[in-house]
Amino acid sequence: MIHTEIDFFNKVFSEVINTYFAEFEGVLPFGERYHKAKYSLECFSNGVLSYDKMIKQVAKACKCRNIDIHNICDKFVKSYGTYKPRFNKLN
């Protein structure tokens, strides 16, 4: 089981938004990719998605590599328990 910091969703989401969606600042409505990234993070925070699936979906929405999103999330994860994050060099 992965243990995250308190307020994991807001911390990760704000960093993802500032990094990958800065062009939307002050513009409403936000694009479809923005909403997909937000929804995936919400689902993970609520226990609906696994860490792997959340990373893949957010990376796809942000048009970046899985490892990039993992590096952002890693700042706010206290422990991974028995889970070992592994990514291809291409992802």
PDB file of N, CA and C in Angstrom:
ATOM      1  N   MET A   1       0.836  -1.178   0.000  1.00  0.00           N
ATOM      2  CA  MET A   1       0.000   0.000   0.000  1.00  0.00           C
ATOM      3  C   MET A   1       0.887   1.249   0.000  1.00  0.00           C
ATOM      4  N   ILE A   2       0.512   2.197  -0.810  1.00  0.00           N
ATOM      5  CA  ILE A   2       1.261   3.450  -0.914  1.00  0.00           C
ATOM      6  C   ILE A   2       0.703   4.444   0.106  1.00  0.00           C
ATOM      7  N   HIS A   3       1.597   5.044   0.872  1.00  0.00           N
ATOM      8  CA  HIS A   3       1.198   6.051   1.858  1.00  0.00           C
ATOM      9  C   HIS A   3       1.617   7.419   1.342  1.00  0.00           C
ATOM     10  N   THR A   4       0.643   8.302   1.217  1.00  0.00           N
ATOM     11  CA  THR A   4       0.912   9.636   0.684  1.00  0.00           C
ATOM     12  C   THR A   4       0.810  10.683   1.788  1.00  0.00           C
ATOM     13  N   GLU A   5       1.338  11.853   1.494  1.00  0.00           N
ATOM     14  CA  GLU A   5       1.226  12.961   2.430  1.00  0.00           C
ATOM     15  C   GLU A   5      -0.215  13.447   2.484  1.00  0.00           C
ATOM     16  N   ILE A   6      -0.536  14.168   3.544  1.00  0.00           N
ATOM     17  CA  ILE A   6      -1.851  14.785   3.654  1.00  0.00           C
ATOM     18  C   ILE A   6      -1.985  15.789   2.516  1.00  0.00           C
ATOM     19  N   ASP A   7      -3.156  15.833   1.922  1.00  0.00           N
ATOM     20  CA  ASP A   7      -3.456  16.753   0.822  1.00  0.00           C
ATOM     21  C   ASP A   7      -2.638  16.426  -0.433  1.00  0.00           C
ATOM     22  N   PHE A   8      -2.418  15.138  -0.676  1.00  0.00           N
ATOM     23  CA  PHE A   8      -1.645  14.664  -1.830  1.00  0.00           C
ATOM     24  C   PHE A   8      -2.211  15.208  -3.134  1.00  0.00           C
ATOM     25  N   PHE A   9      -3.527  15.095  -3.314  1.00  0.00           N
ATOM     26  CA  PHE A   9      -4.152  15.511  -4.571  1.00  0.00           C
ATOM     27  C   PHE A   9      -3.846  16.969  -4.892  1.00  0.00           C
ATOM     28  N   ASN A  10      -4.086  17.867  -3.941  1.00  0.00           N
ATOM     29  CA  ASN A  10      -3.883  19.292  -4.204  1.00  0.00           C
ATOM     30  C   ASN A  10      -2.423  19.629  -4.487  1.00  0.00           C
ATOM     31  N   LYS A  11      -1.514  19.002  -3.768  1.00  0.00           N
ATOM     32  CA  LYS A  11      -0.091  19.279  -3.972  1.00  0.00           C
ATOM     33  C   LYS A  11       0.382  18.809  -5.342  1.00  0.00           C
ATOM     34  N   VAL A  12       0.043  17.578  -5.692  1.00  0.00           N
ATOM     35  CA  VAL A  12       0.462  17.039  -6.989  1.00  0.00           C
ATOM     36  C   VAL A  12      -0.238  17.776  -8.123  1.00  0.00           C
ATOM     37  N   PHE A  13      -1.523  18.013  -7.963  1.00  0.00           N
ATOM     38  CA  PHE A  13      -2.281  18.667  -9.021  1.00  0.00           C
ATOM     39  C   PHE A  13      -1.747  20.070  -9.303  1.00  0.00           C
ATOM     40  N   SER A  14      -1.448  20.826  -8.259  1.00  0.00           N
ATOM     41  CA  SER A  14      -0.936  22.177  -8.485  1.00  0.00           C
ATOM     42  C   SER A  14       0.423  22.145  -9.187  1.00  0.00           C
ATOM     43  N   GLU A  15       1.260  21.171  -8.851  1.00  0.00           N
ATOM     44  CA  GLU A  15       2.561  21.076  -9.520  1.00  0.00           C
ATOM     45  C   GLU A  15       2.417  20.636 -10.980  1.00  0.00           C
ATOM     46  N   VAL A  16       1.522  19.691 -11.235  1.00  0.00           N
ATOM     47  CA  VAL A  16       1.273  19.244 -12.613  1.00  0.00           C
ATOM     48  C   VAL A  16       0.711  20.404 -13.437  1.00  0.00           C
ATOM     49  N   ILE A  17      -0.222  21.144 -12.879  1.00  0.00           N
ATOM     50  CA  ILE A  17      -0.827  22.272 -13.594  1.00  0.00           C
ATOM     51  C   ILE A  17       0.220  23.333 -13.913  1.00  0.00           C
ATOM     52  N   ASN A  18       1.039  23.663 -12.934  1.00  0.00           N
ATOM     53  CA  ASN A  18       2.062  24.689 -13.155  1.00  0.00           C
ATOM     54  C   ASN A  18       3.108  24.252 -14.172  1.00  0.00           C
ATOM     55  N   THR A  19       3.368  22.943 -14.230  1.00  0.00           N
ATOM     56  CA  THR A  19       4.392  22.435 -15.142  1.00  0.00           C
ATOM     57  C   THR A  19       3.866  22.228 -16.562  1.00  0.00           C
ATOM     58  N   TYR A  20       2.691  21.611 -16.690  1.00  0.00           N
ATOM     59  CA  TYR A  20       2.221  21.185 -18.011  1.00  0.00           C
ATOM     60  C   TYR A  20       1.050  21.974 -18.576  1.00  0.00           C
ATOM     61  N   PHE A  21       0.380  22.764 -17.747  1.00  0.00           N
ATOM     62  CA  PHE A  21      -0.793  23.489 -18.226  1.00  0.00           C
ATOM     63  C   PHE A  21      -0.713  24.981 -17.917  1.00  0.00           C
ATOM     64  N   ALA A  22       0.467  25.524 -17.903  1.00  0.00           N
ATOM     65  CA  ALA A  22       0.646  26.947 -17.597  1.00  0.00           C
ATOM     66  C   ALA A  22      -0.046  27.838 -18.628  1.00  0.00           C
ATOM     67  N   GLU A  23      -0.197  27.334 -19.859  1.00  0.00           N
ATOM     68  CA  GLU A  23      -0.836  28.145 -20.901  1.00  0.00           C
ATOM     69  C   GLU A  23      -2.317  28.389 -20.633  1.00  0.00           C
ATOM     70  N   PHE A  24      -2.928  27.597 -19.715  1.00  0.00           N
ATOM     71  CA  PHE A  24      -4.345  27.758 -19.407  1.00  0.00           C
ATOM     72  C   PHE A  24      -4.599  28.744 -18.269  1.00  0.00           C
ATOM     73  N   GLU A  25      -3.558  29.291 -17.683  1.00  0.00           N
ATOM     74  CA  GLU A  25      -3.728  30.161 -16.531  1.00  0.00           C
ATOM     75  C   GLU A  25      -4.635  31.343 -16.873  1.00  0.00           C
ATOM     76  N   GLY A  26      -5.719  31.465 -16.132  1.00  0.00           N
ATOM     77  CA  GLY A  26      -6.662  32.558 -16.329  1.00  0.00           C
ATOM     78  C   GLY A  26      -7.618  32.363 -17.489  1.00  0.00           C
ATOM     79  N   VAL A  27      -7.588  31.188 -18.140  1.00  0.00           N
ATOM     80  CA  VAL A  27      -8.463  30.926 -19.281  1.00  0.00           C
ATOM     81  C   VAL A  27      -9.484  29.865 -18.882  1.00  0.00           C
ATOM     82  N   LEU A  28     -10.741  30.148 -19.088  1.00  0.00           N
ATOM     83  CA  LEU A  28     -11.798  29.174 -18.837  1.00  0.00           C
ATOM     84  C   LEU A  28     -12.578  28.988 -20.124  1.00  0.00           C
ATOM     85  N   PRO A  29     -13.083  27.852 -20.461  1.00  0.00           N
ATOM     86  CA  PRO A  29     -12.882  26.585 -19.780  1.00  0.00           C
ATOM     87  C   PRO A  29     -11.528  25.968 -20.142  1.00  0.00           C
ATOM     88  N   PHE A  30     -11.045  25.146 -19.251  1.00  0.00           N
ATOM     89  CA  PHE A  30      -9.784  24.462 -19.495  1.00  0.00           C
ATOM     90  C   PHE A  30      -9.979  23.390 -20.555  1.00  0.00           C
ATOM     91  N   GLY A  31      -8.889  22.943 -21.135  1.00  0.00           N
ATOM     92  CA  GLY A  31      -8.951  21.951 -22.197  1.00  0.00           C
ATOM     93  C   GLY A  31      -9.262  20.550 -21.679  1.00  0.00           C
ATOM     94  N   GLU A  32      -9.534  19.665 -22.615  1.00  0.00           N
ATOM     95  CA  GLU A  32      -9.889  18.278 -22.295  1.00  0.00           C
ATOM     96  C   GLU A  32      -8.739  17.547 -21.596  1.00  0.00           C
ATOM     97  N   ARG A  33      -7.504  17.798 -22.024  1.00  0.00           N
ATOM     98  CA  ARG A  33      -6.345  17.142 -21.402  1.00  0.00           C
ATOM     99  C   ARG A  33      -6.229  17.524 -19.932  1.00  0.00           C
ATOM    100  N   TYR A  34      -6.492  18.768 -19.615  1.00  0.00           N
ATOM    101  CA  TYR A  34      -6.467  19.264 -18.235  1.00  0.00           C
ATOM    102  C   TYR A  34      -7.449  18.468 -17.379  1.00  0.00           C
ATOM    103  N   HIS A  35      -8.680  18.314 -17.879  1.00  0.00           N
ATOM    104  CA  HIS A  35      -9.708  17.609 -17.121  1.00  0.00           C
ATOM    105  C   HIS A  35      -9.394  16.122 -16.970  1.00  0.00           C
ATOM    106  N   LYS A  36      -8.778  15.520 -17.980  1.00  0.00           N
ATOM    107  CA  LYS A  36      -8.392  14.110 -17.874  1.00  0.00           C
ATOM    108  C   LYS A  36      -7.321  13.915 -16.801  1.00  0.00           C
ATOM    109  N   ALA A  37      -6.354  14.827 -16.754  1.00  0.00           N
ATOM    110  CA  ALA A  37      -5.303  14.734 -15.737  1.00  0.00           C
ATOM    111  C   ALA A  37      -5.899  14.912 -14.343  1.00  0.00           C
ATOM    112  N   LYS A  38      -6.774  15.877 -14.197  1.00  0.00           N
ATOM    113  CA  LYS A  38      -7.404  16.143 -12.900  1.00  0.00           C
ATOM    114  C   LYS A  38      -8.246  14.951 -12.445  1.00  0.00           C
ATOM    115  N   TYR A  39      -9.023  14.389 -13.359  1.00  0.00           N
ATOM    116  CA  TYR A  39      -9.879  13.254 -13.034  1.00  0.00           C
ATOM    117  C   TYR A  39      -9.058  12.035 -12.614  1.00  0.00           C
ATOM    118  N   SER A  40      -7.960  11.773 -13.297  1.00  0.00           N
ATOM    119  CA  SER A  40      -7.106  10.631 -12.953  1.00  0.00           C
ATOM    120  C   SER A  40      -6.512  10.796 -11.558  1.00  0.00           C
ATOM    121  N   LEU A  41      -6.066  12.004 -11.236  1.00  0.00           N
ATOM    122  CA  LEU A  41      -5.518  12.261  -9.896  1.00  0.00           C
ATOM    123  C   LEU A  41      -6.595  12.124  -8.824  1.00  0.00           C
ATOM    124  N   GLU A  42      -7.800  12.594  -9.123  1.00  0.00           N
ATOM    125  CA  GLU A  42      -8.912  12.458  -8.182  1.00  0.00           C
ATOM    126  C   GLU A  42      -9.236  10.988  -7.932  1.00  0.00           C
ATOM    127  N   CYS A  43      -9.269  10.203  -9.005  1.00  0.00           N
ATOM    128  CA  CYS A  43      -9.578   8.768  -8.875  1.00  0.00           C
ATOM    129  C   CYS A  43      -8.525   8.052  -8.038  1.00  0.00           C
ATOM    130  N   PHE A  44      -7.258   8.386  -8.228  1.00  0.00           N
ATOM    131  CA  PHE A  44      -6.205   7.781  -7.418  1.00  0.00           C
ATOM    132  C   PHE A  44      -6.375   8.182  -5.951  1.00  0.00           C
ATOM    133  N   SER A  45      -6.646   9.447  -5.694  1.00  0.00           N
ATOM    134  CA  SER A  45      -6.798   9.927  -4.320  1.00  0.00           C
ATOM    135  C   SER A  45      -7.979   9.273  -3.614  1.00  0.00           C
ATOM    136  N   ASN A  46      -8.997   8.912  -4.396  1.00  0.00           N
ATOM    137  CA  ASN A  46     -10.184   8.274  -3.818  1.00  0.00           C
ATOM    138  C   ASN A  46     -10.095   6.750  -3.807  1.00  0.00           C
ATOM    139  N   GLY A  47      -8.978   6.202  -4.273  1.00  0.00           N
ATOM    140  CA  GLY A  47      -8.773   4.755  -4.229  1.00  0.00           C
ATOM    141  C   GLY A  47      -9.352   4.001  -5.403  1.00  0.00           C
ATOM    142  N   VAL A  48      -9.758   4.689  -6.450  1.00  0.00           N
ATOM    143  CA  VAL A  48     -10.355   4.031  -7.603  1.00  0.00           C
ATOM    144  C   VAL A  48      -9.293   3.522  -8.574  1.00  0.00           C
ATOM    145  N   LEU A  49      -8.211   4.274  -8.744  1.00  0.00           N
ATOM    146  CA  LEU A  49      -7.129   3.894  -9.659  1.00  0.00           C
ATOM    147  C   LEU A  49      -5.884   3.461  -8.892  1.00  0.00           C
ATOM    148  N   SER A  50      -5.146   2.541  -9.480  1.00  0.00           N
ATOM    149  CA  SER A  50      -3.852   2.161  -8.907  1.00  0.00           C
ATOM    150  C   SER A  50      -2.825   3.232  -9.276  1.00  0.00           C
ATOM    151  N   TYR A  51      -1.693   3.203  -8.607  1.00  0.00           N
ATOM    152  CA  TYR A  51      -0.634   4.188  -8.859  1.00  0.00           C
ATOM    153  C   TYR A  51      -0.154   4.105 -10.300  1.00  0.00           C
ATOM    154  N   ASP A  52       0.068   2.888 -10.790  1.00  0.00           N
ATOM    155  CA  ASP A  52       0.534   2.695 -12.173  1.00  0.00           C
ATOM    156  C   ASP A  52      -0.421   3.305 -13.189  1.00  0.00           C
ATOM    157  N   LYS A  53      -1.702   2.995 -13.033  1.00  0.00           N
ATOM    158  CA  LYS A  53      -2.690   3.502 -13.985  1.00  0.00           C
ATOM    159  C   LYS A  53      -2.807   5.020 -13.909  1.00  0.00           C
ATOM    160  N   MET A  54      -2.738   5.561 -12.698  1.00  0.00           N
ATOM    161  CA  MET A  54      -2.811   7.011 -12.540  1.00  0.00           C
ATOM    162  C   MET A  54      -1.638   7.677 -13.245  1.00  0.00           C
ATOM    163  N   ILE A  55      -0.432   7.138 -13.043  1.00  0.00           N
ATOM    164  CA  ILE A  55       0.762   7.698 -13.678  1.00  0.00           C
ATOM    165  C   ILE A  55       0.611   7.677 -15.191  1.00  0.00           C
ATOM    166  N   LYS A  56       0.169   6.551 -15.744  1.00  0.00           N
ATOM    167  CA  LYS A  56       0.028   6.422 -17.194  1.00  0.00           C
ATOM    168  C   LYS A  56      -1.012   7.394 -17.751  1.00  0.00           C
ATOM    169  N   GLN A  57      -2.142   7.525 -17.070  1.00  0.00           N
ATOM    170  CA  GLN A  57      -3.205   8.393 -17.564  1.00  0.00           C
ATOM    171  C   GLN A  57      -2.821   9.870 -17.474  1.00  0.00           C
ATOM    172  N   VAL A  58      -2.194  10.259 -16.372  1.00  0.00           N
ATOM    173  CA  VAL A  58      -1.787  11.658 -16.227  1.00  0.00           C
ATOM    174  C   VAL A  58      -0.689  11.991 -17.234  1.00  0.00           C
ATOM    175  N   ALA A  59       0.264  11.078 -17.419  1.00  0.00           N
ATOM    176  CA  ALA A  59       1.337  11.306 -18.395  1.00  0.00           C
ATOM    177  C   ALA A  59       0.774  11.444 -19.805  1.00  0.00           C
ATOM    178  N   LYS A  60      -0.199  10.632 -20.135  1.00  0.00           N
ATOM    179  CA  LYS A  60      -0.823  10.717 -21.462  1.00  0.00           C
ATOM    180  C   LYS A  60      -1.540  12.050 -21.625  1.00  0.00           C
ATOM    181  N   ALA A  61      -2.257  12.486 -20.590  1.00  0.00           N
ATOM    182  CA  ALA A  61      -2.972  13.763 -20.657  1.00  0.00           C
ATOM    183  C   ALA A  61      -2.004  14.942 -20.752  1.00  0.00           C
ATOM    184  N   CYS A  62      -0.865  14.815 -20.096  1.00  0.00           N
ATOM    185  CA  CYS A  62       0.127  15.898 -20.097  1.00  0.00           C
ATOM    186  C   CYS A  62       1.080  15.821 -21.284  1.00  0.00           C
ATOM    187  N   LYS A  63       0.984  14.746 -22.042  1.00  0.00           N
ATOM    188  CA  LYS A  63       1.872  14.503 -23.189  1.00  0.00           C
ATOM    189  C   LYS A  63       3.339  14.516 -22.757  1.00  0.00           C
ATOM    190  N   CYS A  64       3.614  13.724 -21.731  1.00  0.00           N
ATOM    191  CA  CYS A  64       4.985  13.599 -21.245  1.00  0.00           C
ATOM    192  C   CYS A  64       5.255  12.131 -20.898  1.00  0.00           C
ATOM    193  N   ARG A  65       6.429  11.858 -20.365  1.00  0.00           N
ATOM    194  CA  ARG A  65       6.807  10.489 -20.019  1.00  0.00           C
ATOM    195  C   ARG A  65       6.268  10.124 -18.637  1.00  0.00           C
ATOM    196  N   ASN A  66       6.047   8.835 -18.416  1.00  0.00           N
ATOM    197  CA  ASN A  66       5.563   8.346 -17.125  1.00  0.00           C
ATOM    198  C   ASN A  66       6.509   8.736 -15.992  1.00  0.00           C
ATOM    199  N   ILE A  67       7.796   8.653 -16.242  1.00  0.00           N
ATOM    200  CA  ILE A  67       8.789   8.941 -15.206  1.00  0.00           C
ATOM    201  C   ILE A  67       8.708  10.404 -14.762  1.00  0.00           C
ATOM    202  N   ASP A  68       8.323  11.293 -15.668  1.00  0.00           N
ATOM    203  CA  ASP A  68       8.196  12.705 -15.302  1.00  0.00           C
ATOM    204  C   ASP A  68       7.084  12.909 -14.272  1.00  0.00           C
ATOM    205  N   ILE A  69       5.954  12.254 -14.481  1.00  0.00           N
ATOM    206  CA  ILE A  69       4.840  12.359 -13.529  1.00  0.00           C
ATOM    207  C   ILE A  69       5.201  11.640 -12.238  1.00  0.00           C
ATOM    208  N   HIS A  70       5.867  10.505 -12.347  1.00  0.00           N
ATOM    209  CA  HIS A  70       6.305   9.792 -11.139  1.00  0.00           C
ATOM    210  C   HIS A  70       7.227  10.665 -10.294  1.00  0.00           C
ATOM    211  N   ASN A  71       8.136  11.388 -10.924  1.00  0.00           N
ATOM    212  CA  ASN A  71       9.049  12.255 -10.178  1.00  0.00           C
ATOM    213  C   ASN A  71       8.306  13.357  -9.431  1.00  0.00           C
ATOM    214  N   ILE A  72       7.226  13.863 -10.014  1.00  0.00           N
ATOM    215  CA  ILE A  72       6.410  14.863  -9.320  1.00  0.00           C
ATOM    216  C   ILE A  72       5.693  14.214  -8.137  1.00  0.00           C
ATOM    217  N   CYS A  73       5.071  13.066  -8.366  1.00  0.00           N
ATOM    218  CA  CYS A  73       4.321  12.379  -7.306  1.00  0.00           C
ATOM    219  C   CYS A  73       5.231  11.891  -6.187  1.00  0.00           C
ATOM    220  N   ASP A  74       6.445  11.501  -6.549  1.00  0.00           N
ATOM    221  CA  ASP A  74       7.387  10.949  -5.580  1.00  0.00           C
ATOM    222  C   ASP A  74       7.692  11.931  -4.445  1.00  0.00           C
ATOM    223  N   LYS A  75       7.610  13.207  -4.728  1.00  0.00           N
ATOM    224  CA  LYS A  75       7.866  14.232  -3.697  1.00  0.00           C
ATOM    225  C   LYS A  75       6.840  14.174  -2.575  1.00  0.00           C
ATOM    226  N   PHE A  76       5.642  13.652  -2.869  1.00  0.00           N
ATOM    227  CA  PHE A  76       4.542  13.679  -1.916  1.00  0.00           C
ATOM    228  C   PHE A  76       4.112  12.290  -1.450  1.00  0.00           C
ATOM    229  N   VAL A  77       4.937  11.279  -1.733  1.00  0.00           N
ATOM    230  CA  VAL A  77       4.672   9.918  -1.267  1.00  0.00           C
ATOM    231  C   VAL A  77       5.587   9.636  -0.083  1.00  0.00           C
ATOM    232  N   LYS A  78       4.991   9.224   1.046  1.00  0.00           N
ATOM    233  CA  LYS A  78       5.785   8.919   2.236  1.00  0.00           C
ATOM    234  C   LYS A  78       6.498   7.576   2.085  1.00  0.00           C
ATOM    235  N   SER A  79       5.752   6.548   1.662  1.00  0.00           N
ATOM    236  CA  SER A  79       6.372   5.239   1.441  1.00  0.00           C
ATOM    237  C   SER A  79       5.576   4.469   0.395  1.00  0.00           C
ATOM    238  N   TYR A  80       6.275   3.602  -0.316  1.00  0.00           N
ATOM    239  CA  TYR A  80       5.646   2.777  -1.342  1.00  0.00           C
ATOM    240  C   TYR A  80       5.279   1.388  -0.830  1.00  0.00           C
ATOM    241  N   GLY A  81       5.610   1.078   0.396  1.00  0.00           N
ATOM    242  CA  GLY A  81       5.329  -0.254   0.916  1.00  0.00           C
ATOM    243  C   GLY A  81       6.069  -1.294   0.107  1.00  0.00           C
ATOM    244  N   THR A  82       5.355  -2.302  -0.386  1.00  0.00           N
ATOM    245  CA  THR A  82       5.981  -3.357  -1.179  1.00  0.00           C
ATOM    246  C   THR A  82       6.028  -3.021  -2.663  1.00  0.00           C
ATOM    247  N   TYR A  83       5.408  -1.935  -3.061  1.00  0.00           N
ATOM    248  CA  TYR A  83       5.382  -1.526  -4.471  1.00  0.00           C
ATOM    249  C   TYR A  83       6.756  -1.000  -4.887  1.00  0.00           C
ATOM    250  N   LYS A  84       7.207  -1.425  -6.047  1.00  0.00           N
ATOM    251  CA  LYS A  84       8.478  -0.960  -6.609  1.00  0.00           C
ATOM    252  C   LYS A  84       8.196  -0.265  -7.934  1.00  0.00           C
ATOM    253  N   PRO A  85       8.268   1.061  -7.987  1.00  0.00           N
ATOM    254  CA  PRO A  85       8.020   1.747  -9.262  1.00  0.00           C
ATOM    255  C   PRO A  85       9.112   1.442 -10.282  1.00  0.00           C
ATOM    256  N   ARG A  86       8.702   0.976 -11.466  1.00  0.00           N
ATOM    257  CA  ARG A  86       9.636   0.679 -12.550  1.00  0.00           C
ATOM    258  C   ARG A  86       9.079   1.254 -13.836  1.00  0.00           C
ATOM    259  N   PHE A  87       9.957   1.893 -14.586  1.00  0.00           N
ATOM    260  CA  PHE A  87       9.544   2.487 -15.842  1.00  0.00           C
ATOM    261  C   PHE A  87      10.563   2.169 -16.918  1.00  0.00           C
ATOM    262  N   ASN A  88      10.081   2.013 -18.151  1.00  0.00           N
ATOM    263  CA  ASN A  88      10.977   1.842 -19.286  1.00  0.00           C
ATOM    264  C   ASN A  88      11.698   3.158 -19.546  1.00  0.00           C
ATOM    265  N   LYS A  89      12.811   3.092 -20.211  1.00  0.00           N
ATOM    266  CA  LYS A  89      13.510   4.312 -20.599  1.00  0.00           C
ATOM    267  C   LYS A  89      12.689   5.101 -21.612  1.00  0.00           C
ATOM    268  N   LEU A  90      11.834   4.419 -22.353  1.00  0.00           N
ATOM    269  CA  LEU A  90      11.033   5.083 -23.373  1.00  0.00           C
ATOM    270  C   LEU A  90       9.779   5.757 -22.809  1.00  0.00           C
ATOM    271  N   ASN A  91       9.332   5.327 -21.634  1.00  0.00           N
ATOM    272  CA  ASN A  91       8.086   5.878 -21.079  1.00  0.00           C
ATOM    273  C   ASN A  91       8.341   7.131 -20.331  1.00  0.00           C
TER     274      ASN A  91
END
